[in-house]
N, C-alpha and C. Protein backbone atom coordinates (compact mmCIF):
# COMPACT_ATOMS: atom_id res chain seq x y z
N MET A 1 -77.69 -11.03 15.36
CA MET A 1 -77.48 -11.48 13.99
C MET A 1 -78.60 -10.90 13.14
N ASN A 2 -78.25 -10.33 12.01
CA ASN A 2 -79.23 -9.68 11.14
C ASN A 2 -79.87 -10.62 10.13
N LEU A 3 -79.44 -11.87 10.08
CA LEU A 3 -80.00 -12.82 9.13
C LEU A 3 -81.14 -13.60 9.77
N GLU A 4 -82.14 -13.91 8.97
CA GLU A 4 -83.16 -14.85 9.42
C GLU A 4 -82.56 -16.25 9.31
N LYS A 5 -83.03 -17.16 10.13
CA LYS A 5 -82.48 -18.51 10.15
C LYS A 5 -82.50 -19.17 8.77
N THR A 6 -83.46 -18.82 7.94
CA THR A 6 -83.59 -19.46 6.63
C THR A 6 -82.93 -18.69 5.49
N ASP A 7 -82.36 -17.53 5.79
CA ASP A 7 -81.69 -16.77 4.73
C ASP A 7 -80.57 -17.58 4.09
N ILE A 8 -80.43 -17.42 2.79
CA ILE A 8 -79.36 -18.09 2.04
C ILE A 8 -78.34 -17.03 1.66
N LYS A 9 -77.10 -17.31 1.92
CA LYS A 9 -76.03 -16.35 1.61
C LYS A 9 -74.90 -17.06 0.91
N SER A 10 -74.18 -16.32 0.08
CA SER A 10 -73.04 -16.87 -0.64
C SER A 10 -71.75 -16.33 -0.04
N GLY A 11 -70.68 -17.01 -0.39
CA GLY A 11 -69.36 -16.59 0.06
C GLY A 11 -68.31 -17.40 -0.64
N GLY A 12 -67.07 -17.20 -0.25
CA GLY A 12 -65.99 -17.94 -0.87
C GLY A 12 -64.63 -17.44 -0.44
N CYS A 13 -63.65 -17.95 -1.13
CA CYS A 13 -62.26 -17.65 -0.78
C CYS A 13 -61.79 -16.35 -1.43
N GLN A 14 -60.58 -15.98 -1.10
CA GLN A 14 -60.00 -14.73 -1.60
C GLN A 14 -59.76 -14.76 -3.11
N CYS A 15 -59.34 -15.88 -3.64
CA CYS A 15 -58.98 -15.91 -5.07
C CYS A 15 -60.16 -16.27 -5.98
N GLY A 16 -61.26 -16.78 -5.42
CA GLY A 16 -62.43 -17.12 -6.23
C GLY A 16 -62.47 -18.55 -6.71
N ALA A 17 -61.49 -19.36 -6.36
CA ALA A 17 -61.47 -20.76 -6.81
C ALA A 17 -62.54 -21.58 -6.11
N VAL A 18 -62.93 -21.19 -4.89
CA VAL A 18 -63.95 -21.92 -4.13
C VAL A 18 -65.05 -20.94 -3.74
N ARG A 19 -66.29 -21.31 -4.07
CA ARG A 19 -67.47 -20.53 -3.70
C ARG A 19 -68.47 -21.46 -3.05
N TYR A 20 -69.33 -20.91 -2.20
CA TYR A 20 -70.32 -21.71 -1.52
C TYR A 20 -71.63 -20.95 -1.36
N CYS A 21 -72.66 -21.71 -1.02
CA CYS A 21 -73.97 -21.18 -0.66
C CYS A 21 -74.32 -21.82 0.68
N ALA A 22 -74.76 -21.00 1.63
CA ALA A 22 -75.07 -21.50 2.97
C ALA A 22 -76.41 -20.96 3.43
N GLU A 23 -77.08 -21.73 4.30
CA GLU A 23 -78.35 -21.29 4.88
C GLU A 23 -78.52 -21.89 6.26
N GLY A 24 -79.49 -21.34 7.00
CA GLY A 24 -79.77 -21.82 8.33
C GLY A 24 -78.70 -21.40 9.32
N PHE A 25 -78.47 -20.11 9.44
CA PHE A 25 -77.41 -19.58 10.30
C PHE A 25 -77.84 -19.58 11.77
N LYS A 26 -76.93 -20.01 12.64
CA LYS A 26 -77.19 -19.94 14.07
C LYS A 26 -75.87 -19.90 14.85
N ARG A 27 -75.93 -19.37 16.04
CA ARG A 27 -74.82 -19.24 16.97
C ARG A 27 -73.55 -18.62 16.36
N PRO A 28 -73.65 -17.39 15.87
CA PRO A 28 -72.42 -16.73 15.40
C PRO A 28 -71.51 -16.46 16.59
N SER A 29 -70.23 -16.78 16.45
CA SER A 29 -69.33 -16.72 17.59
C SER A 29 -67.94 -16.23 17.20
N ILE A 30 -67.21 -15.89 18.23
CA ILE A 30 -65.78 -15.65 18.11
C ILE A 30 -65.12 -16.70 18.98
N CYS A 31 -64.20 -17.47 18.42
CA CYS A 31 -63.50 -18.50 19.18
C CYS A 31 -62.04 -18.09 19.36
N HIS A 32 -61.62 -18.05 20.60
CA HIS A 32 -60.26 -17.65 20.95
C HIS A 32 -59.34 -18.85 21.20
N CYS A 33 -59.82 -20.08 20.99
CA CYS A 33 -58.97 -21.24 21.29
C CYS A 33 -57.72 -21.22 20.42
N ARG A 34 -56.69 -21.83 20.92
CA ARG A 34 -55.40 -21.81 20.22
C ARG A 34 -55.49 -22.48 18.86
N MET A 35 -56.31 -23.51 18.73
CA MET A 35 -56.45 -24.19 17.45
C MET A 35 -57.07 -23.27 16.40
N CYS A 36 -58.08 -22.49 16.79
CA CYS A 36 -58.69 -21.53 15.86
C CYS A 36 -57.72 -20.40 15.53
N GLN A 37 -56.97 -19.93 16.52
CA GLN A 37 -55.98 -18.88 16.26
C GLN A 37 -55.01 -19.32 15.17
N LYS A 38 -54.50 -20.52 15.30
CA LYS A 38 -53.54 -21.02 14.31
C LYS A 38 -54.20 -21.29 12.96
N ALA A 39 -55.45 -21.77 12.97
CA ALA A 39 -56.15 -22.10 11.72
C ALA A 39 -56.39 -20.87 10.85
N VAL A 40 -56.68 -19.72 11.49
CA VAL A 40 -56.96 -18.51 10.71
C VAL A 40 -55.77 -17.55 10.68
N GLY A 41 -54.73 -17.85 11.45
CA GLY A 41 -53.56 -16.97 11.50
C GLY A 41 -53.88 -15.63 12.12
N GLY A 42 -54.80 -15.62 13.07
CA GLY A 42 -55.23 -14.39 13.71
C GLY A 42 -55.53 -14.60 15.18
N PRO A 43 -55.93 -13.56 15.89
CA PRO A 43 -56.16 -13.68 17.32
C PRO A 43 -57.42 -14.47 17.68
N PHE A 44 -58.33 -14.66 16.72
CA PHE A 44 -59.54 -15.45 16.95
C PHE A 44 -60.16 -15.80 15.61
N ALA A 45 -61.10 -16.74 15.64
CA ALA A 45 -61.86 -17.10 14.45
C ALA A 45 -63.30 -16.64 14.66
N ALA A 46 -63.87 -15.96 13.68
CA ALA A 46 -65.28 -15.58 13.70
C ALA A 46 -66.02 -16.63 12.86
N LEU A 47 -66.93 -17.36 13.51
CA LEU A 47 -67.59 -18.51 12.90
C LEU A 47 -69.10 -18.44 13.09
N VAL A 48 -69.83 -19.08 12.19
CA VAL A 48 -71.28 -19.21 12.36
C VAL A 48 -71.69 -20.61 11.90
N VAL A 49 -72.50 -21.28 12.72
CA VAL A 49 -73.03 -22.60 12.39
C VAL A 49 -74.02 -22.45 11.25
N VAL A 50 -73.95 -23.36 10.28
CA VAL A 50 -74.92 -23.37 9.18
C VAL A 50 -75.58 -24.74 9.12
N GLU A 51 -76.86 -24.74 8.76
CA GLU A 51 -77.59 -25.99 8.64
C GLU A 51 -77.35 -26.66 7.29
N ASN A 52 -77.14 -25.87 6.25
CA ASN A 52 -76.89 -26.40 4.91
C ASN A 52 -75.76 -25.63 4.27
N LEU A 53 -74.85 -26.37 3.64
CA LEU A 53 -73.70 -25.79 2.95
C LEU A 53 -73.48 -26.56 1.67
N SER A 54 -73.38 -25.84 0.55
CA SER A 54 -73.06 -26.50 -0.71
C SER A 54 -71.97 -25.70 -1.42
N TRP A 55 -71.09 -26.43 -2.06
CA TRP A 55 -69.98 -25.81 -2.80
C TRP A 55 -70.47 -25.52 -4.21
N THR A 56 -70.43 -24.26 -4.63
CA THR A 56 -70.93 -23.88 -5.95
C THR A 56 -69.83 -23.68 -6.98
N ARG A 57 -68.60 -23.58 -6.54
CA ARG A 57 -67.44 -23.55 -7.44
C ARG A 57 -66.24 -24.13 -6.71
N GLY A 58 -65.59 -25.07 -7.34
CA GLY A 58 -64.40 -25.67 -6.77
C GLY A 58 -64.71 -26.56 -5.58
N GLU A 59 -63.69 -27.18 -5.08
CA GLU A 59 -63.80 -28.06 -3.92
C GLU A 59 -62.65 -27.72 -2.99
N PRO A 60 -62.95 -27.37 -1.74
CA PRO A 60 -61.88 -27.01 -0.83
C PRO A 60 -61.07 -28.23 -0.37
N ALA A 61 -59.85 -27.97 0.03
CA ALA A 61 -59.02 -28.99 0.68
C ALA A 61 -59.40 -28.99 2.17
N TYR A 62 -58.89 -29.95 2.92
CA TYR A 62 -59.15 -29.92 4.35
C TYR A 62 -57.92 -30.37 5.13
N PHE A 63 -57.91 -29.95 6.38
CA PHE A 63 -56.89 -30.36 7.34
C PHE A 63 -57.61 -30.89 8.56
N GLN A 64 -57.24 -32.08 9.00
CA GLN A 64 -57.83 -32.68 10.20
C GLN A 64 -57.07 -32.11 11.39
N SER A 65 -57.62 -31.03 12.00
CA SER A 65 -56.89 -30.31 13.04
C SER A 65 -56.94 -31.00 14.40
N SER A 66 -57.83 -31.95 14.56
CA SER A 66 -57.87 -32.78 15.77
C SER A 66 -58.59 -34.07 15.42
N ASN A 67 -58.73 -34.95 16.41
CA ASN A 67 -59.42 -36.20 16.14
C ASN A 67 -60.90 -36.00 15.82
N LEU A 68 -61.48 -34.82 16.20
CA LEU A 68 -62.90 -34.58 15.97
C LEU A 68 -63.20 -33.40 15.06
N VAL A 69 -62.19 -32.64 14.68
CA VAL A 69 -62.43 -31.41 13.91
C VAL A 69 -61.64 -31.42 12.60
N ARG A 70 -62.37 -31.10 11.53
CA ARG A 70 -61.77 -30.93 10.20
C ARG A 70 -62.03 -29.50 9.77
N ARG A 71 -61.04 -28.89 9.14
CA ARG A 71 -61.17 -27.51 8.66
C ARG A 71 -60.91 -27.48 7.16
N ARG A 72 -61.85 -26.86 6.44
CA ARG A 72 -61.68 -26.74 4.98
C ARG A 72 -61.12 -25.36 4.65
N PHE A 73 -60.34 -25.31 3.56
CA PHE A 73 -59.70 -24.09 3.11
C PHE A 73 -59.47 -24.17 1.61
N CYS A 74 -59.22 -23.03 0.98
CA CYS A 74 -58.91 -23.02 -0.45
C CYS A 74 -57.46 -23.46 -0.63
N ARG A 75 -57.27 -24.48 -1.45
CA ARG A 75 -55.91 -24.98 -1.69
C ARG A 75 -55.09 -24.00 -2.54
N ASP A 76 -55.74 -23.07 -3.24
CA ASP A 76 -55.01 -22.11 -4.07
C ASP A 76 -54.53 -20.89 -3.29
N CYS A 77 -55.43 -20.29 -2.49
CA CYS A 77 -55.05 -19.05 -1.79
C CYS A 77 -54.95 -19.22 -0.27
N GLY A 78 -55.42 -20.34 0.26
CA GLY A 78 -55.30 -20.61 1.68
C GLY A 78 -56.40 -20.06 2.57
N THR A 79 -57.42 -19.42 2.00
CA THR A 79 -58.49 -18.84 2.81
C THR A 79 -59.17 -19.91 3.67
N PRO A 80 -59.24 -19.73 5.01
CA PRO A 80 -59.97 -20.65 5.86
C PRO A 80 -61.47 -20.52 5.60
N LEU A 81 -62.18 -21.64 5.45
CA LEU A 81 -63.60 -21.61 5.10
C LEU A 81 -64.52 -22.27 6.12
N THR A 82 -64.12 -23.40 6.71
CA THR A 82 -65.02 -24.08 7.64
C THR A 82 -64.30 -24.62 8.86
N TYR A 83 -65.12 -24.88 9.86
CA TYR A 83 -64.77 -25.64 11.06
C TYR A 83 -65.85 -26.71 11.13
N GLU A 84 -65.48 -27.97 11.01
CA GLU A 84 -66.45 -29.06 10.96
C GLU A 84 -66.23 -30.02 12.12
N PHE A 85 -67.15 -30.00 13.08
CA PHE A 85 -67.06 -30.87 14.25
C PHE A 85 -67.76 -32.18 13.90
N GLU A 86 -67.03 -33.27 13.92
CA GLU A 86 -67.51 -34.58 13.50
C GLU A 86 -68.85 -34.95 14.13
N GLY A 87 -69.82 -35.24 13.28
CA GLY A 87 -71.13 -35.70 13.74
C GLY A 87 -71.97 -34.65 14.42
N SER A 88 -71.56 -33.40 14.40
CA SER A 88 -72.30 -32.39 15.14
C SER A 88 -72.72 -31.22 14.27
N HIS A 89 -71.77 -30.42 13.83
CA HIS A 89 -72.13 -29.21 13.09
C HIS A 89 -70.99 -28.72 12.20
N ILE A 90 -71.36 -27.85 11.28
CA ILE A 90 -70.39 -27.18 10.42
C ILE A 90 -70.53 -25.68 10.64
N ASP A 91 -69.41 -25.03 10.89
CA ASP A 91 -69.36 -23.57 10.95
C ASP A 91 -68.64 -23.08 9.70
N ILE A 92 -69.05 -21.93 9.20
CA ILE A 92 -68.27 -21.27 8.16
C ILE A 92 -67.62 -20.03 8.78
N THR A 93 -66.53 -19.59 8.18
CA THR A 93 -65.88 -18.38 8.66
C THR A 93 -66.72 -17.19 8.22
N ILE A 94 -67.09 -16.35 9.17
CA ILE A 94 -67.97 -15.22 8.89
C ILE A 94 -67.37 -14.30 7.83
N ALA A 95 -66.06 -14.04 7.91
CA ALA A 95 -65.44 -13.10 6.98
C ALA A 95 -65.37 -13.63 5.55
N SER A 96 -65.60 -14.95 5.34
CA SER A 96 -65.62 -15.47 3.97
C SER A 96 -66.98 -15.27 3.30
N LEU A 97 -67.99 -14.84 4.06
CA LEU A 97 -69.29 -14.50 3.47
C LEU A 97 -69.15 -13.25 2.60
N ASP A 98 -69.97 -13.15 1.57
CA ASP A 98 -69.96 -11.95 0.73
C ASP A 98 -70.44 -10.73 1.50
N GLN A 99 -71.29 -10.93 2.49
CA GLN A 99 -71.79 -9.84 3.34
C GLN A 99 -71.55 -10.17 4.81
N PRO A 100 -70.30 -10.17 5.23
CA PRO A 100 -70.00 -10.59 6.60
C PRO A 100 -70.58 -9.66 7.66
N ASP A 101 -70.88 -8.44 7.31
CA ASP A 101 -71.41 -7.50 8.29
C ASP A 101 -72.81 -7.89 8.76
N LEU A 102 -73.49 -8.78 8.03
CA LEU A 102 -74.84 -9.21 8.41
C LEU A 102 -74.85 -10.25 9.52
N VAL A 103 -73.68 -10.80 9.85
CA VAL A 103 -73.61 -11.88 10.84
C VAL A 103 -72.69 -11.44 11.98
N ALA A 104 -73.26 -10.78 12.96
CA ALA A 104 -72.49 -10.29 14.10
C ALA A 104 -72.37 -11.38 15.16
N PRO A 105 -71.17 -11.62 15.67
CA PRO A 105 -71.01 -12.61 16.74
C PRO A 105 -71.88 -12.28 17.95
N GLU A 106 -72.40 -13.34 18.57
CA GLU A 106 -73.25 -13.20 19.75
C GLU A 106 -72.64 -13.81 20.99
N ILE A 107 -71.54 -14.55 20.84
CA ILE A 107 -70.89 -15.20 21.98
C ILE A 107 -69.40 -15.34 21.68
N GLN A 108 -68.59 -15.33 22.76
CA GLN A 108 -67.16 -15.60 22.65
C GLN A 108 -66.87 -16.93 23.32
N LEU A 109 -66.03 -17.73 22.68
CA LEU A 109 -65.68 -19.06 23.19
C LEU A 109 -64.16 -19.14 23.40
N GLY A 110 -63.73 -20.09 24.19
CA GLY A 110 -62.30 -20.32 24.39
C GLY A 110 -61.56 -19.18 25.05
N LEU A 111 -62.23 -18.48 25.97
CA LEU A 111 -61.63 -17.30 26.59
C LEU A 111 -60.34 -17.59 27.33
N GLU A 112 -60.13 -18.82 27.76
CA GLU A 112 -58.89 -19.13 28.48
C GLU A 112 -57.66 -18.94 27.60
N ASN A 113 -57.85 -18.89 26.28
CA ASN A 113 -56.73 -18.67 25.36
C ASN A 113 -56.78 -17.30 24.68
N ARG A 114 -57.72 -16.45 25.08
CA ARG A 114 -57.81 -15.12 24.47
C ARG A 114 -56.51 -14.37 24.73
N LEU A 115 -55.98 -13.77 23.69
CA LEU A 115 -54.76 -12.99 23.83
C LEU A 115 -55.05 -11.76 24.67
N SER A 116 -54.16 -11.45 25.58
CA SER A 116 -54.41 -10.37 26.54
C SER A 116 -54.67 -9.03 25.87
N TRP A 117 -54.07 -8.79 24.73
CA TRP A 117 -54.23 -7.49 24.09
C TRP A 117 -55.54 -7.36 23.31
N CYS A 118 -56.32 -8.41 23.18
CA CYS A 118 -57.61 -8.33 22.48
C CYS A 118 -58.58 -7.40 23.21
N GLU A 119 -58.49 -7.36 24.53
CA GLU A 119 -59.41 -6.53 25.31
C GLU A 119 -59.28 -5.04 24.98
N GLY A 120 -58.11 -4.58 24.59
CA GLY A 120 -57.90 -3.16 24.32
C GLY A 120 -57.97 -2.76 22.87
N LEU A 121 -58.42 -3.64 21.97
CA LEU A 121 -58.43 -3.32 20.54
C LEU A 121 -59.28 -2.11 20.21
N ALA A 122 -60.43 -1.98 20.84
CA ALA A 122 -61.32 -0.85 20.54
C ALA A 122 -60.72 0.48 20.96
N ASP A 123 -59.73 0.46 21.83
CA ASP A 123 -59.12 1.70 22.31
C ASP A 123 -57.90 2.13 21.50
N LEU A 124 -57.46 1.30 20.57
CA LEU A 124 -56.29 1.66 19.76
C LEU A 124 -56.61 2.79 18.79
N PRO A 125 -55.61 3.61 18.45
CA PRO A 125 -55.83 4.64 17.42
C PRO A 125 -56.20 3.96 16.10
N THR A 126 -56.94 4.64 15.26
CA THR A 126 -57.37 4.07 13.99
C THR A 126 -56.94 4.93 12.82
N ARG A 127 -56.88 4.30 11.66
CA ARG A 127 -56.59 5.00 10.41
C ARG A 127 -57.22 4.18 9.29
N THR A 128 -57.89 4.83 8.37
CA THR A 128 -58.52 4.12 7.25
C THR A 128 -57.46 3.65 6.27
N GLU A 129 -57.82 2.68 5.43
CA GLU A 129 -56.90 2.20 4.40
C GLU A 129 -56.49 3.34 3.47
N GLU A 130 -57.44 4.23 3.15
CA GLU A 130 -57.14 5.35 2.27
C GLU A 130 -56.12 6.29 2.90
N ALA A 131 -56.26 6.56 4.18
CA ALA A 131 -55.31 7.42 4.88
C ALA A 131 -53.94 6.76 4.94
N GLU A 132 -53.92 5.45 5.16
CA GLU A 132 -52.66 4.72 5.21
C GLU A 132 -51.97 4.76 3.85
N ALA A 133 -52.76 4.56 2.77
CA ALA A 133 -52.20 4.59 1.42
C ALA A 133 -51.64 5.98 1.10
N ALA A 134 -52.36 7.00 1.50
CA ALA A 134 -51.88 8.37 1.25
C ALA A 134 -50.60 8.64 2.02
N ALA A 135 -50.49 8.07 3.21
CA ALA A 135 -49.30 8.29 4.04
C ALA A 135 -48.10 7.51 3.51
N GLN A 136 -48.34 6.44 2.78
CA GLN A 136 -47.26 5.61 2.26
C GLN A 136 -47.43 5.45 0.75
N ASP A 137 -46.64 6.16 0.00
CA ASP A 137 -46.74 6.18 -1.46
C ASP A 137 -46.60 4.80 -2.09
N VAL A 138 -46.00 3.85 -1.38
CA VAL A 138 -45.78 2.52 -1.93
C VAL A 138 -47.10 1.83 -2.29
N PHE A 139 -48.19 2.18 -1.61
CA PHE A 139 -49.48 1.54 -1.87
C PHE A 139 -50.18 2.07 -3.12
N SER A 140 -49.67 3.11 -3.71
CA SER A 140 -50.36 3.74 -4.84
C SER A 140 -50.44 2.84 -6.07
N ASN A 141 -49.58 1.84 -6.18
CA ASN A 141 -49.58 0.97 -7.36
C ASN A 141 -50.23 -0.39 -7.13
N ILE A 142 -50.89 -0.56 -5.99
CA ILE A 142 -51.53 -1.84 -5.71
C ILE A 142 -52.78 -2.01 -6.57
N ARG A 143 -52.90 -3.19 -7.20
CA ARG A 143 -54.09 -3.56 -7.96
C ARG A 143 -54.68 -4.80 -7.31
N ASN A 144 -55.90 -4.72 -6.89
CA ASN A 144 -56.57 -5.79 -6.18
C ASN A 144 -56.91 -6.95 -7.12
N HIS A 145 -56.49 -8.17 -6.77
CA HIS A 145 -56.81 -9.36 -7.55
C HIS A 145 -57.77 -10.29 -6.82
N GLN A 146 -58.36 -9.81 -5.72
CA GLN A 146 -59.29 -10.63 -4.97
C GLN A 146 -60.59 -10.81 -5.74
N HIS A 147 -61.23 -11.95 -5.51
CA HIS A 147 -62.56 -12.19 -6.06
C HIS A 147 -63.51 -11.18 -5.44
N PRO A 148 -64.45 -10.62 -6.20
CA PRO A 148 -65.40 -9.67 -5.61
C PRO A 148 -66.36 -10.35 -4.65
N ASP A 149 -67.00 -9.58 -3.81
CA ASP A 149 -67.96 -10.12 -2.85
C ASP A 149 -69.32 -10.34 -3.50
N ARG A 150 -69.34 -11.23 -4.48
CA ARG A 150 -70.56 -11.61 -5.19
C ARG A 150 -70.22 -12.81 -6.05
N ASP A 151 -71.24 -13.54 -6.47
CA ASP A 151 -71.02 -14.66 -7.37
C ASP A 151 -70.70 -14.16 -8.77
N THR A 152 -69.85 -14.87 -9.48
CA THR A 152 -69.51 -14.56 -10.87
C THR A 152 -69.66 -15.84 -11.69
N GLU A 153 -69.94 -15.68 -12.96
CA GLU A 153 -70.06 -16.84 -13.84
C GLU A 153 -68.73 -17.59 -13.94
N ALA A 154 -67.65 -16.84 -14.04
CA ALA A 154 -66.30 -17.43 -14.16
C ALA A 154 -65.33 -16.53 -13.43
N TRP A 155 -64.19 -17.08 -13.08
CA TRP A 155 -63.16 -16.28 -12.45
C TRP A 155 -61.80 -16.83 -12.86
N PRO A 156 -60.86 -15.99 -13.23
CA PRO A 156 -61.04 -14.53 -13.29
C PRO A 156 -61.94 -14.13 -14.44
N GLU A 157 -62.61 -13.00 -14.22
CA GLU A 157 -63.50 -12.49 -15.27
C GLU A 157 -62.67 -12.06 -16.47
N THR A 158 -63.19 -12.25 -17.66
CA THR A 158 -62.44 -11.95 -18.86
C THR A 158 -62.25 -10.44 -19.08
N THR A 159 -63.08 -9.62 -18.44
CA THR A 159 -62.96 -8.16 -18.62
C THR A 159 -61.96 -7.52 -17.69
N ARG A 160 -61.33 -8.33 -16.83
CA ARG A 160 -60.36 -7.80 -15.88
C ARG A 160 -59.13 -7.29 -16.53
C-alpha cells in the first residue's frame, strides 16, 4: 500500500451525489465471497479498512446484507461505497477513491468462492479503451457524465 496510515484521501460515487473523506488506511484486500460479488456486481470487491470516514457531500443509502454487515451505496447512481462490519470496522471500496491506484490490495479473502476464471485474467488479450473506441464507431459520441476524481464545490459543475 502506498499510503501512510494517517494519509487522508477523498472519494465518492460515480454521479457525485455522495463524497467522503477517509483516513487511517489498513488491510487493503480483495474479497471473493459471494456476498461481495453480488454487492459490487463483479467477480470480487476491492476494499480497505479505514479508521475515520466522514461524508462531505450527500448521505449514502444502505442495505443490511447480513445480520452483521451493512453496505452503503449512492441511492442515485448505485455506486457501492462501504462494507461495515457491526462493532468492528468499516471498509471503503478502493475503486471509489479519487486515487485508487495508491491502495494496492495486500491479501485475498473468501477464496472458496473465487470464480475459476479469475486466475487467468492476467493472461487474457488486452485492448485500451481508445483502441476499442476506434474499432467501434458507436463510441465516438459518448460524453462522460461521471463526477471527476477530485472534490468539487458543487455538482454538476455549472461550466459543464
